[in-house]
Amino acid sequence: MPFSPLCIALVRFAEPLTGTLETEAQAECLIDTLRGCSRRRVELDFTGLTDASCAFCDAFFRLAECELPETWLVPRRYDDLCPCFVHRLVSRLERMREKTWIRGCESFVSAADPGKRSSTA
C-alpha cells in the first residue's frame, strides 16, 4: 500500500467571503489542527486561498517553530498565491532538510570514526 501524506485544505481556515488568512486566531486554529496530526509530513493545500496576511504568517510560524519543530509542512497547489507564506514554508523546509542532513552526517561520522577509541584501559 503506497504512503499517502495528510493534506489539509487551508481554505477551511480562511475568511469565508474573501478566502484570506488574516488573523492570529486563524493561525492558532490551523496549528491546533496540525498538533492533532500524528504524521511528521503534512501537505498544506492552497486551493481556493487568495492571500495570507503578515499577521497570520508571523503567528503561524512562531507557533509552528515552538509546537511543531519536527513537522514537515509542504505547500501544494500554490502557483502564485500567497508568496510570503509559501516562501517562508519553503525556507523552513530547507532549514529542516539541512538539519536532518547534518544530523545524519554526524551520526555516520561518530559511528564510523576509527579515531574514536574506547576508554577501557
PDB file of N, CA and C in Angstrom:
ATOM      1  N   MET A   1       0.854  -1.176   0.000  1.00  0.00           N
ATOM      2  CA  MET A   1       0.000   0.000   0.000  1.00  0.00           C
ATOM      3  C   MET A   1       0.901   1.240   0.000  1.00  0.00           C
ATOM      4  N   PRO A   2       0.769   2.145  -0.952  1.00  0.00           N
ATOM      5  CA  PRO A   2       1.605   3.338  -1.012  1.00  0.00           C
ATOM      6  C   PRO A   2       1.272   4.315   0.112  1.00  0.00           C
ATOM      7  N   PHE A   3       2.281   5.033   0.556  1.00  0.00           N
ATOM      8  CA  PHE A   3       2.107   6.035   1.599  1.00  0.00           C
ATOM      9  C   PHE A   3       1.363   7.239   1.034  1.00  0.00           C
ATOM     10  N   SER A   4       0.362   7.687   1.736  1.00  0.00           N
ATOM     11  CA  SER A   4      -0.409   8.857   1.318  1.00  0.00           C
ATOM     12  C   SER A   4      -0.285   9.922   2.403  1.00  0.00           C
ATOM     13  N   PRO A   5       0.363  11.057   2.088  1.00  0.00           N
ATOM     14  CA  PRO A   5       0.520  12.093   3.109  1.00  0.00           C
ATOM     15  C   PRO A   5      -0.809  12.752   3.443  1.00  0.00           C
ATOM     16  N   LEU A   6      -0.881  13.249   4.646  1.00  0.00           N
ATOM     17  CA  LEU A   6      -2.045  14.004   5.069  1.00  0.00           C
ATOM     18  C   LEU A   6      -2.040  15.343   4.339  1.00  0.00           C
ATOM     19  N   CYS A   7      -3.198  15.774   3.837  1.00  0.00           N
ATOM     20  CA  CYS A   7      -3.304  17.040   3.123  1.00  0.00           C
ATOM     21  C   CYS A   7      -4.421  17.868   3.762  1.00  0.00           C
ATOM     22  N   ILE A   8      -4.070  19.086   4.171  1.00  0.00           N
ATOM     23  CA  ILE A   8      -5.045  19.968   4.815  1.00  0.00           C
ATOM     24  C   ILE A   8      -5.337  21.142   3.885  1.00  0.00           C
ATOM     25  N   ALA A   9      -6.611  21.367   3.612  1.00  0.00           N
ATOM     26  CA  ALA A   9      -7.038  22.497   2.780  1.00  0.00           C
ATOM     27  C   ALA A   9      -7.027  23.761   3.637  1.00  0.00           C
ATOM     28  N   LEU A  10      -6.151  24.690   3.294  1.00  0.00           N
ATOM     29  CA  LEU A  10      -6.024  25.933   4.062  1.00  0.00           C
ATOM     30  C   LEU A  10      -7.277  26.797   3.973  1.00  0.00           C
ATOM     31  N   VAL A  11      -8.036  26.663   2.895  1.00  0.00           N
ATOM     32  CA  VAL A  11      -9.242  27.479   2.724  1.00  0.00           C
ATOM     33  C   VAL A  11     -10.255  27.208   3.839  1.00  0.00           C
ATOM     34  N   ARG A  12     -10.160  26.053   4.483  1.00  0.00           N
ATOM     35  CA  ARG A  12     -11.043  25.739   5.621  1.00  0.00           C
ATOM     36  C   ARG A  12     -10.877  26.733   6.758  1.00  0.00           C
ATOM     37  N   PHE A  13      -9.701  27.345   6.857  1.00  0.00           N
ATOM     38  CA  PHE A  13      -9.396  28.253   7.958  1.00  0.00           C
ATOM     39  C   PHE A  13      -9.502  29.725   7.552  1.00  0.00           C
ATOM     40  N   ALA A  14      -9.767  29.972   6.270  1.00  0.00           N
ATOM     41  CA  ALA A  14      -9.793  31.334   5.725  1.00  0.00           C
ATOM     42  C   ALA A  14     -11.135  32.018   5.957  1.00  0.00           C
ATOM     43  N   GLU A  15     -11.120  33.341   5.805  1.00  0.00           N
ATOM     44  CA  GLU A  15     -12.354  34.129   5.855  1.00  0.00           C
ATOM     45  C   GLU A  15     -13.267  33.636   4.729  1.00  0.00           C
ATOM     46  N   PRO A  16     -14.518  33.317   5.025  1.00  0.00           N
ATOM     47  CA  PRO A  16     -15.407  32.739   4.009  1.00  0.00           C
ATOM     48  C   PRO A  16     -15.648  33.623   2.787  1.00  0.00           C
ATOM     49  N   LEU A  17     -15.757  34.921   2.975  1.00  0.00           N
ATOM     50  CA  LEU A  17     -16.078  35.803   1.852  1.00  0.00           C
ATOM     51  C   LEU A  17     -14.857  36.162   1.003  1.00  0.00           C
ATOM     52  N   THR A  18     -13.704  36.276   1.641  1.00  0.00           N
ATOM     53  CA  THR A  18     -12.520  36.727   0.908  1.00  0.00           C
ATOM     54  C   THR A  18     -11.527  35.619   0.574  1.00  0.00           C
ATOM     55  N   GLY A  19     -11.593  34.508   1.289  1.00  0.00           N
ATOM     56  CA  GLY A  19     -10.644  33.417   1.062  1.00  0.00           C
ATOM     57  C   GLY A  19      -9.242  33.742   1.547  1.00  0.00           C
ATOM     58  N   THR A  20      -9.136  34.644   2.531  1.00  0.00           N
ATOM     59  CA  THR A  20      -7.820  35.032   3.047  1.00  0.00           C
ATOM     60  C   THR A  20      -7.608  34.537   4.470  1.00  0.00           C
ATOM     61  N   LEU A  21      -6.342  34.306   4.771  1.00  0.00           N
ATOM     62  CA  LEU A  21      -5.917  34.010   6.131  1.00  0.00           C
ATOM     63  C   LEU A  21      -5.392  35.334   6.682  1.00  0.00           C
ATOM     64  N   GLU A  22      -6.086  35.874   7.685  1.00  0.00           N
ATOM     65  CA  GLU A  22      -5.783  37.237   8.121  1.00  0.00           C
ATOM     66  C   GLU A  22      -5.345  37.373   9.568  1.00  0.00           C
ATOM     67  N   THR A  23      -5.817  36.508  10.441  1.00  0.00           N
ATOM     68  CA  THR A  23      -5.666  36.770  11.872  1.00  0.00           C
ATOM     69  C   THR A  23      -4.800  35.732  12.583  1.00  0.00           C
ATOM     70  N   GLU A  24      -4.352  36.129  13.768  1.00  0.00           N
ATOM     71  CA  GLU A  24      -3.619  35.202  14.628  1.00  0.00           C
ATOM     72  C   GLU A  24      -4.523  34.054  15.061  1.00  0.00           C
ATOM     73  N   ALA A  25      -5.803  34.342  15.247  1.00  0.00           N
ATOM     74  CA  ALA A  25      -6.753  33.299  15.652  1.00  0.00           C
ATOM     75  C   ALA A  25      -6.842  32.203  14.588  1.00  0.00           C
ATOM     76  N   GLN A  26      -6.814  32.590  13.324  1.00  0.00           N
ATOM     77  CA  GLN A  26      -6.823  31.597  12.247  1.00  0.00           C
ATOM     78  C   GLN A  26      -5.545  30.760  12.285  1.00  0.00           C
ATOM     79  N   ALA A  27      -4.419  31.402  12.567  1.00  0.00           N
ATOM     80  CA  ALA A  27      -3.147  30.676  12.674  1.00  0.00           C
ATOM     81  C   ALA A  27      -3.206  29.679  13.828  1.00  0.00           C
ATOM     82  N   GLU A  28      -3.747  30.106  14.952  1.00  0.00           N
ATOM     83  CA  GLU A  28      -3.867  29.219  16.106  1.00  0.00           C
ATOM     84  C   GLU A  28      -4.776  28.035  15.813  1.00  0.00           C
ATOM     85  N   CYS A  29      -5.856  28.279  15.088  1.00  0.00           N
ATOM     86  CA  CYS A  29      -6.781  27.208  14.720  1.00  0.00           C
ATOM     87  C   CYS A  29      -6.090  26.183  13.811  1.00  0.00           C
ATOM     88  N   LEU A  30      -5.337  26.667  12.838  1.00  0.00           N
ATOM     89  CA  LEU A  30      -4.602  25.775  11.948  1.00  0.00           C
ATOM     90  C   LEU A  30      -3.546  24.980  12.722  1.00  0.00           C
ATOM     91  N   ILE A  31      -2.817  25.631  13.620  1.00  0.00           N
ATOM     92  CA  ILE A  31      -1.812  24.942  14.434  1.00  0.00           C
ATOM     93  C   ILE A  31      -2.482  23.892  15.316  1.00  0.00           C
ATOM     94  N   ASP A  32      -3.656  24.191  15.884  1.00  0.00           N
ATOM     95  CA  ASP A  32      -4.392  23.205  16.685  1.00  0.00           C
ATOM     96  C   ASP A  32      -4.698  21.963  15.859  1.00  0.00           C
ATOM     97  N   THR A  33      -5.106  22.170  14.618  1.00  0.00           N
ATOM     98  CA  THR A  33      -5.390  21.038  13.734  1.00  0.00           C
ATOM     99  C   THR A  33      -4.120  20.251  13.449  1.00  0.00           C
ATOM    100  N   LEU A  34      -3.033  20.948  13.166  1.00  0.00           N
ATOM    101  CA  LEU A  34      -1.761  20.279  12.876  1.00  0.00           C
ATOM    102  C   LEU A  34      -1.224  19.548  14.105  1.00  0.00           C
ATOM    103  N   ARG A  35      -1.426  20.119  15.265  1.00  0.00           N
ATOM    104  CA  ARG A  35      -0.975  19.489  16.504  1.00  0.00           C
ATOM    105  C   ARG A  35      -1.642  18.131  16.693  1.00  0.00           C
ATOM    106  N   GLY A  36      -2.868  18.003  16.212  1.00  0.00           N
ATOM    107  CA  GLY A  36      -3.595  16.745  16.341  1.00  0.00           C
ATOM    108  C   GLY A  36      -3.196  15.688  15.328  1.00  0.00           C
ATOM    109  N   CYS A  37      -2.341  16.038  14.388  1.00  0.00           N
ATOM    110  CA  CYS A  37      -1.900  15.089  13.358  1.00  0.00           C
ATOM    111  C   CYS A  37      -0.762  14.232  13.884  1.00  0.00           C
ATOM    112  N   SER A  38      -0.814  12.977  13.565  1.00  0.00           N
ATOM    113  CA  SER A  38       0.244  12.074  14.024  1.00  0.00           C
ATOM    114  C   SER A  38       1.386  11.957  13.015  1.00  0.00           C
ATOM    115  N   ARG A  39       1.215  12.497  11.851  1.00  0.00           N
ATOM    116  CA  ARG A  39       2.245  12.377  10.807  1.00  0.00           C
ATOM    117  C   ARG A  39       3.290  13.466  10.932  1.00  0.00           C
ATOM    118  N   ARG A  40       4.498  13.141  10.522  1.00  0.00           N
ATOM    119  CA  ARG A  40       5.590  14.115  10.532  1.00  0.00           C
ATOM    120  C   ARG A  40       5.608  14.958   9.272  1.00  0.00           C
ATOM    121  N   ARG A  41       4.866  14.551   8.239  1.00  0.00           N
ATOM    122  CA  ARG A  41       4.822  15.295   6.973  1.00  0.00           C
ATOM    123  C   ARG A  41       3.363  15.588   6.651  1.00  0.00           C
ATOM    124  N   VAL A  42       3.064  16.876   6.515  1.00  0.00           N
ATOM    125  CA  VAL A  42       1.696  17.298   6.239  1.00  0.00           C
ATOM    126  C   VAL A  42       1.737  18.255   5.053  1.00  0.00           C
ATOM    127  N   GLU A  43       0.879  18.002   4.073  1.00  0.00           N
ATOM    128  CA  GLU A  43       0.773  18.902   2.926  1.00  0.00           C
ATOM    129  C   GLU A  43      -0.279  19.966   3.223  1.00  0.00           C
ATOM    130  N   LEU A  44       0.042  21.212   2.867  1.00  0.00           N
ATOM    131  CA  LEU A  44      -0.890  22.323   3.018  1.00  0.00           C
ATOM    132  C   LEU A  44      -1.357  22.725   1.628  1.00  0.00           C
ATOM    133  N   ASP A  45      -2.635  22.497   1.352  1.00  0.00           N
ATOM    134  CA  ASP A  45      -3.218  22.745   0.035  1.00  0.00           C
ATOM    135  C   ASP A  45      -3.746  24.179  -0.040  1.00  0.00           C
ATOM    136  N   PHE A  46      -3.228  24.948  -1.004  1.00  0.00           N
ATOM    137  CA  PHE A  46      -3.589  26.349  -1.164  1.00  0.00           C
ATOM    138  C   PHE A  46      -4.796  26.565  -2.077  1.00  0.00           C
ATOM    139  N   THR A  47      -5.405  25.510  -2.582  1.00  0.00           N
ATOM    140  CA  THR A  47      -6.549  25.642  -3.482  1.00  0.00           C
ATOM    141  C   THR A  47      -7.659  26.472  -2.833  1.00  0.00           C
ATOM    142  N   GLY A  48      -8.104  27.512  -3.526  1.00  0.00           N
ATOM    143  CA  GLY A  48      -9.194  28.357  -3.046  1.00  0.00           C
ATOM    144  C   GLY A  48      -8.752  29.495  -2.151  1.00  0.00           C
ATOM    145  N   LEU A  49      -7.504  29.487  -1.721  1.00  0.00           N
ATOM    146  CA  LEU A  49      -6.991  30.559  -0.876  1.00  0.00           C
ATOM    147  C   LEU A  49      -6.583  31.738  -1.750  1.00  0.00           C
ATOM    148  N   THR A  50      -6.855  32.956  -1.296  1.00  0.00           N
ATOM    149  CA  THR A  50      -6.492  34.124  -2.106  1.00  0.00           C
ATOM    150  C   THR A  50      -5.292  34.883  -1.560  1.00  0.00           C
ATOM    151  N   ASP A  51      -5.099  34.867  -0.215  1.00  0.00           N
ATOM    152  CA  ASP A  51      -3.976  35.597   0.359  1.00  0.00           C
ATOM    153  C   ASP A  51      -3.783  35.187   1.811  1.00  0.00           C
ATOM    154  N   ALA A  52      -2.620  35.562   2.347  1.00  0.00           N
ATOM    155  CA  ALA A  52      -2.318  35.371   3.764  1.00  0.00           C
ATOM    156  C   ALA A  52      -1.627  36.635   4.257  1.00  0.00           C
ATOM    157  N   SER A  53      -2.136  37.205   5.334  1.00  0.00           N
ATOM    158  CA  SER A  53      -1.583  38.463   5.852  1.00  0.00           C
ATOM    159  C   SER A  53      -0.284  38.221   6.610  1.00  0.00           C
ATOM    160  N   CYS A  54       0.455  39.294   6.830  1.00  0.00           N
ATOM    161  CA  CYS A  54       1.698  39.211   7.611  1.00  0.00           C
ATOM    162  C   CYS A  54       1.400  38.787   9.048  1.00  0.00           C
ATOM    163  N   ALA A  55       0.302  39.279   9.612  1.00  0.00           N
ATOM    164  CA  ALA A  55      -0.069  38.916  10.988  1.00  0.00           C
ATOM    165  C   ALA A  55      -0.310  37.405  11.090  1.00  0.00           C
ATOM    166  N   PHE A  56      -1.025  36.849  10.117  1.00  0.00           N
ATOM    167  CA  PHE A  56      -1.261  35.405  10.101  1.00  0.00           C
ATOM    168  C   PHE A  56       0.064  34.660   9.986  1.00  0.00           C
ATOM    169  N   CYS A  57       0.892  35.050   9.015  1.00  0.00           N
ATOM    170  CA  CYS A  57       2.167  34.354   8.772  1.00  0.00           C
ATOM    171  C   CYS A  57       3.071  34.397  10.001  1.00  0.00           C
ATOM    172  N   ASP A  58       3.198  35.571  10.609  1.00  0.00           N
ATOM    173  CA  ASP A  58       4.053  35.703  11.785  1.00  0.00           C
ATOM    174  C   ASP A  58       3.578  34.793  12.916  1.00  0.00           C
ATOM    175  N   ALA A  59       2.274  34.806  13.189  1.00  0.00           N
ATOM    176  CA  ALA A  59       1.723  33.961  14.253  1.00  0.00           C
ATOM    177  C   ALA A  59       1.874  32.489  13.915  1.00  0.00           C
ATOM    178  N   PHE A  60       1.590  32.129  12.670  1.00  0.00           N
ATOM    179  CA  PHE A  60       1.678  30.730  12.261  1.00  0.00           C
ATOM    180  C   PHE A  60       3.094  30.186  12.432  1.00  0.00           C
ATOM    181  N   PHE A  61       4.096  30.907  11.943  1.00  0.00           N
ATOM    182  CA  PHE A  61       5.463  30.398  12.014  1.00  0.00           C
ATOM    183  C   PHE A  61       6.021  30.440  13.430  1.00  0.00           C
ATOM    184  N   ARG A  62       5.623  31.421  14.221  1.00  0.00           N
ATOM    185  CA  ARG A  62       6.042  31.452  15.620  1.00  0.00           C
ATOM    186  C   ARG A  62       5.520  30.213  16.344  1.00  0.00           C
ATOM    187  N   LEU A  63       4.246  29.894  16.142  1.00  0.00           N
ATOM    188  CA  LEU A  63       3.648  28.723  16.780  1.00  0.00           C
ATOM    189  C   LEU A  63       4.201  27.414  16.218  1.00  0.00           C
ATOM    190  N   ALA A  64       4.388  27.366  14.911  1.00  0.00           N
ATOM    191  CA  ALA A  64       4.905  26.141  14.282  1.00  0.00           C
ATOM    192  C   ALA A  64       6.298  25.816  14.792  1.00  0.00           C
ATOM    193  N   GLU A  65       7.159  26.821  14.927  1.00  0.00           N
ATOM    194  CA  GLU A  65       8.521  26.573  15.398  1.00  0.00           C
ATOM    195  C   GLU A  65       8.525  26.078  16.842  1.00  0.00           C
ATOM    196  N   CYS A  66       7.621  26.600  17.666  1.00  0.00           N
ATOM    197  CA  CYS A  66       7.556  26.186  19.074  1.00  0.00           C
ATOM    198  C   CYS A  66       6.887  24.823  19.256  1.00  0.00           C
ATOM    199  N   GLU A  67       5.794  24.606  18.551  1.00  0.00           N
ATOM    200  CA  GLU A  67       4.961  23.445  18.819  1.00  0.00           C
ATOM    201  C   GLU A  67       5.115  22.294  17.827  1.00  0.00           C
ATOM    202  N   LEU A  68       5.623  22.577  16.628  1.00  0.00           N
ATOM    203  CA  LEU A  68       5.746  21.537  15.599  1.00  0.00           C
ATOM    204  C   LEU A  68       7.134  21.571  14.956  1.00  0.00           C
ATOM    205  N   PRO A  69       8.198  21.575  15.763  1.00  0.00           N
ATOM    206  CA  PRO A  69       9.537  21.757  15.188  1.00  0.00           C
ATOM    207  C   PRO A  69       9.980  20.625  14.266  1.00  0.00           C
ATOM    208  N   GLU A  70       9.409  19.447  14.402  1.00  0.00           N
ATOM    209  CA  GLU A  70       9.815  18.302  13.583  1.00  0.00           C
ATOM    210  C   GLU A  70       8.798  17.953  12.496  1.00  0.00           C
ATOM    211  N   THR A  71       7.767  18.776  12.329  1.00  0.00           N
ATOM    212  CA  THR A  71       6.735  18.506  11.331  1.00  0.00           C
ATOM    213  C   THR A  71       7.090  19.202  10.019  1.00  0.00           C
ATOM    214  N   TRP A  72       7.160  18.418   8.954  1.00  0.00           N
ATOM    215  CA  TRP A  72       7.464  18.948   7.620  1.00  0.00           C
ATOM    216  C   TRP A  72       6.160  19.445   7.013  1.00  0.00           C
ATOM    217  N   LEU A  73       6.030  20.759   6.828  1.00  0.00           N
ATOM    218  CA  LEU A  73       4.827  21.375   6.260  1.00  0.00           C
ATOM    219  C   LEU A  73       5.120  21.721   4.806  1.00  0.00           C
ATOM    220  N   VAL A  74       4.480  20.989   3.902  1.00  0.00           N
ATOM    221  CA  VAL A  74       4.804  21.067   2.477  1.00  0.00           C
ATOM    222  C   VAL A  74       3.678  21.778   1.717  1.00  0.00           C
ATOM    223  N   PRO A  75       3.990  22.904   1.049  1.00  0.00           N
ATOM    224  CA  PRO A  75       2.939  23.597   0.281  1.00  0.00           C
ATOM    225  C   PRO A  75       2.582  22.835  -0.991  1.00  0.00           C
ATOM    226  N   ARG A  76       1.287  22.824  -1.324  1.00  0.00           N
ATOM    227  CA  ARG A  76       0.790  22.166  -2.540  1.00  0.00           C
ATOM    228  C   ARG A  76      -0.214  23.073  -3.238  1.00  0.00           C
ATOM    229  N   ARG A  77      -0.210  23.038  -4.574  1.00  0.00           N
ATOM    230  CA  ARG A  77      -1.154  23.781  -5.420  1.00  0.00           C
ATOM    231  C   ARG A  77      -1.187  25.260  -5.065  1.00  0.00           C
ATOM    232  N   TYR A  78      -0.045  25.903  -5.051  1.00  0.00           N
ATOM    233  CA  TYR A  78       0.009  27.296  -4.635  1.00  0.00           C
ATOM    234  C   TYR A  78       0.255  28.274  -5.773  1.00  0.00           C
ATOM    235  N   ASP A  79       0.774  27.849  -6.907  1.00  0.00           N
ATOM    236  CA  ASP A  79       1.048  28.732  -8.044  1.00  0.00           C
ATOM    237  C   ASP A  79       1.637  30.058  -7.571  1.00  0.00           C
ATOM    238  N   ASP A  80       0.951  31.173  -7.837  1.00  0.00           N
ATOM    239  CA  ASP A  80       1.441  32.487  -7.421  1.00  0.00           C
ATOM    240  C   ASP A  80       0.714  32.992  -6.175  1.00  0.00           C
ATOM    241  N   LEU A  81       0.014  32.106  -5.482  1.00  0.00           N
ATOM    242  CA  LEU A  81      -0.756  32.505  -4.307  1.00  0.00           C
ATOM    243  C   LEU A  81       0.140  32.715  -3.091  1.00  0.00           C
ATOM    244  N   CYS A  82      -0.153  33.701  -2.310  1.00  0.00           N
ATOM    245  CA  CYS A  82       0.462  33.932  -1.006  1.00  0.00           C
ATOM    246  C   CYS A  82       1.981  33.791  -1.032  1.00  0.00           C
ATOM    247  N   PRO A  83       2.682  34.583  -1.827  1.00  0.00           N
ATOM    248  CA  PRO A  83       4.127  34.394  -1.990  1.00  0.00           C
ATOM    249  C   PRO A  83       4.908  34.454  -0.679  1.00  0.00           C
ATOM    250  N   CYS A  84       4.517  35.317   0.236  1.00  0.00           N
ATOM    251  CA  CYS A  84       5.235  35.423   1.509  1.00  0.00           C
ATOM    252  C   CYS A  84       5.092  34.137   2.320  1.00  0.00           C
ATOM    253  N   PHE A  85       3.878  33.630   2.404  1.00  0.00           N
ATOM    254  CA  PHE A  85       3.601  32.405   3.160  1.00  0.00           C
ATOM    255  C   PHE A  85       4.331  31.219   2.537  1.00  0.00           C
ATOM    256  N   VAL A  86       4.236  31.067   1.233  1.00  0.00           N
ATOM    257  CA  VAL A  86       4.891  29.953   0.542  1.00  0.00           C
ATOM    258  C   VAL A  86       6.407  30.052   0.691  1.00  0.00           C
ATOM    259  N   HIS A  87       6.959  31.252   0.529  1.00  0.00           N
ATOM    260  CA  HIS A  87       8.402  31.429   0.658  1.00  0.00           C
ATOM    261  C   HIS A  87       8.875  31.013   2.051  1.00  0.00           C
ATOM    262  N   ARG A  88       8.132  31.392   3.073  1.00  0.00           N
ATOM    263  CA  ARG A  88       8.531  31.032   4.440  1.00  0.00           C
ATOM    264  C   ARG A  88       8.385  29.531   4.675  1.00  0.00           C
ATOM    265  N   LEU A  89       7.376  28.892   4.087  1.00  0.00           N
ATOM    266  CA  LEU A  89       7.251  27.435   4.203  1.00  0.00           C
ATOM    267  C   LEU A  89       8.438  26.729   3.543  1.00  0.00           C
ATOM    268  N   VAL A  90       8.791  27.181   2.356  1.00  0.00           N
ATOM    269  CA  VAL A  90       9.909  26.567   1.625  1.00  0.00           C
ATOM    270  C   VAL A  90      11.219  26.800   2.385  1.00  0.00           C
ATOM    271  N   SER A  91      11.423  27.995   2.919  1.00  0.00           N
ATOM    272  CA  SER A  91      12.637  28.270   3.698  1.00  0.00           C
ATOM    273  C   SER A  91      12.714  27.371   4.924  1.00  0.00           C
ATOM    274  N   ARG A  92      11.576  27.164   5.572  1.00  0.00           N
ATOM    275  CA  ARG A  92      11.535  26.281   6.747  1.00  0.00           C
ATOM    276  C   ARG A  92      11.882  24.854   6.344  1.00  0.00           C
ATOM    277  N   LEU A  93      11.349  24.396   5.218  1.00  0.00           N
ATOM    278  CA  LEU A  93      11.674  23.053   4.734  1.00  0.00           C
ATOM    279  C   LEU A  93      13.161  22.919   4.435  1.00  0.00           C
ATOM    280  N   GLU A  94      13.747  23.939   3.839  1.00  0.00           N
ATOM    281  CA  GLU A  94      15.183  23.895   3.532  1.00  0.00           C
ATOM    282  C   GLU A  94      16.006  23.809   4.812  1.00  0.00           C
ATOM    283  N   ARG A  95      15.636  24.572   5.846  1.00  0.00           N
ATOM    284  CA  ARG A  95      16.358  24.503   7.118  1.00  0.00           C
ATOM    285  C   ARG A  95      16.214  23.129   7.751  1.00  0.00           C
ATOM    286  N   MET A  96      15.002  22.565   7.703  1.00  0.00           N
ATOM    287  CA  MET A  96      14.780  21.239   8.273  1.00  0.00           C
ATOM    288  C   MET A  96      15.581  20.182   7.525  1.00  0.00           C
ATOM    289  N   ARG A  97      15.614  20.290   6.198  1.00  0.00           N
ATOM    290  CA  ARG A  97      16.385  19.337   5.397  1.00  0.00           C
ATOM    291  C   ARG A  97      17.865  19.430   5.765  1.00  0.00           C
ATOM    292  N   GLU A  98      18.360  20.646   5.915  1.00  0.00           N
ATOM    293  CA  GLU A  98      19.759  20.859   6.271  1.00  0.00           C
ATOM    294  C   GLU A  98      20.070  20.260   7.646  1.00  0.00           C
ATOM    295  N   LYS A  99      19.199  20.490   8.625  1.00  0.00           N
ATOM    296  CA  LYS A  99      19.401  19.925   9.959  1.00  0.00           C
ATOM    297  C   LYS A  99      19.402  18.404   9.914  1.00  0.00           C
ATOM    298  N   THR A 100      18.481  17.832   9.154  1.00  0.00           N
ATOM    299  CA  THR A 100      18.402  16.377   9.037  1.00  0.00           C
ATOM    300  C   THR A 100      19.665  15.824   8.394  1.00  0.00           C
ATOM    301  N   TRP A 101      20.145  16.488   7.368  1.00  0.00           N
ATOM    302  CA  TRP A 101      21.357  16.056   6.682  1.00  0.00           C
ATOM    303  C   TRP A 101      22.549  16.122   7.632  1.00  0.00           C
ATOM    304  N   ILE A 102      22.659  17.213   8.386  1.00  0.00           N
ATOM    305  CA  ILE A 102      23.776  17.372   9.325  1.00  0.00           C
ATOM    306  C   ILE A 102      23.712  16.303  10.408  1.00  0.00           C
ATOM    307  N   ARG A 103      22.525  16.057  10.964  1.00  0.00           N
ATOM    308  CA  ARG A 103      22.387  15.003  11.988  1.00  0.00           C
ATOM    309  C   ARG A 103      22.788  13.652  11.426  1.00  0.00           C
ATOM    310  N   GLY A 104      22.383  13.372  10.177  1.00  0.00           N
ATOM    311  CA  GLY A 104      22.756  12.102   9.551  1.00  0.00           C
ATOM    312  C   GLY A 104      24.251  11.983   9.379  1.00  0.00           C
ATOM    313  N   CYS A 105      24.892  13.056   8.943  1.00  0.00           N
ATOM    314  CA  CYS A 105      26.352  13.044   8.776  1.00  0.00           C
ATOM    315  C   CYS A 105      27.051  12.867  10.113  1.00  0.00           C
ATOM    316  N   GLU A 106      26.560  13.557  11.140  1.00  0.00           N
ATOM    317  CA  GLU A 106      27.180  13.436  12.456  1.00  0.00           C
ATOM    318  C   GLU A 106      27.063  12.020  13.003  1.00  0.00           C
ATOM    319  N   SER A 107      25.905  11.394  12.840  1.00  0.00           N
ATOM    320  CA  SER A 107      25.752  10.029  13.347  1.00  0.00           C
ATOM    321  C   SER A 107      26.576   9.052  12.526  1.00  0.00           C
ATOM    322  N   PHE A 108      26.703   9.299  11.226  1.00  0.00           N
ATOM    323  CA  PHE A 108      27.539   8.438  10.388  1.00  0.00           C
ATOM    324  C   PHE A 108      29.004   8.565  10.807  1.00  0.00           C
ATOM    325  N   VAL A 109      29.477   9.781  10.995  1.00  0.00           N
ATOM    326  CA  VAL A 109      30.869  10.017  11.358  1.00  0.00           C
ATOM    327  C   VAL A 109      31.165   9.462  12.746  1.00  0.00           C
ATOM    328  N   SER A 110      30.294   9.691  13.699  1.00  0.00           N
ATOM    329  CA  SER A 110      30.565   9.219  15.054  1.00  0.00           C
ATOM    330  C   SER A 110      30.512   7.700  15.153  1.00  0.00           C
ATOM    331  N   ALA A 111      29.695   7.065  14.345  1.00  0.00           N
ATOM    332  CA  ALA A 111      29.599   5.602  14.384  1.00  0.00           C
ATOM    333  C   ALA A 111      30.731   4.939  13.620  1.00  0.00           C
ATOM    334  N   ALA A 112      31.274   5.632  12.621  1.00  0.00           N
ATOM    335  CA  ALA A 112      32.285   5.010  11.770  1.00  0.00           C
ATOM    336  C   ALA A 112      33.678   5.606  11.967  1.00  0.00           C
ATOM    337  N   ASP A 113      33.844   6.494  12.947  1.00  0.00           N
ATOM    338  CA  ASP A 113      35.126   7.181  13.126  1.00  0.00           C
ATOM    339  C   ASP A 113      36.158   6.252  13.761  1.00  0.00           C
ATOM    340  N   PRO A 114      37.173   5.831  12.988  1.00  0.00           N
ATOM    341  CA  PRO A 114      38.175   4.924  13.544  1.00  0.00           C
ATOM    342  C   PRO A 114      39.065   5.619  14.575  1.00  0.00           C
ATOM    343  N   GLY A 115      39.063   6.924  14.629  1.00  0.00           N
ATOM    344  CA  GLY A 115      39.853   7.659  15.598  1.00  0.00           C
ATOM    345  C   GLY A 115      39.274   7.595  16.993  1.00  0.00           C
ATOM    346  N   LYS A 116      38.017   7.221  17.117  1.00  0.00           N
ATOM    347  CA  LYS A 116      37.381   7.109  18.439  1.00  0.00           C
ATOM    348  C   LYS A 116      37.814   5.806  19.061  1.00  0.00           C
ATOM    349  N   ARG A 117      38.309   5.888  20.249  1.00  0.00           N
ATOM    350  CA  ARG A 117      38.751   4.694  20.962  1.00  0.00           C
ATOM    351  C   ARG A 117      37.950   4.594  22.258  1.00  0.00           C
ATOM    352  N   SER A 118      37.753   3.379  22.673  1.00  0.00           N
ATOM    353  CA  SER A 118      37.042   3.211  23.938  1.00  0.00           C
ATOM    354  C   SER A 118      37.996   3.521  25.071  1.00  0.00           C
ATOM    355  N   SER A 119      37.470   3.963  26.159  1.00  0.00           N
ATOM    356  CA  SER A 119      38.301   4.371  27.288  1.00  0.00           C
ATOM    357  C   SER A 119      38.428   3.246  28.323  1.00  0.00           C
ATOM    358  N   THR A 120      38.494   2.011  27.875  1.00  0.00           N
ATOM    359  CA  THR A 120      38.661   0.880  28.769  1.00  0.00           C
ATOM    360  C   THR A 120      40.125   0.504  28.807  1.00  0.00           C
ATOM    361  N   ALA A 121      40.873   1.131  29.658  1.00  0.00           N
ATOM    362  CA  ALA A 121      42.297   0.841  29.730  1.00  0.00           C
ATOM    363  C   ALA A 121      42.657   0.257  31.059  1.00  0.00           C
TER     364      ALA A 121
END
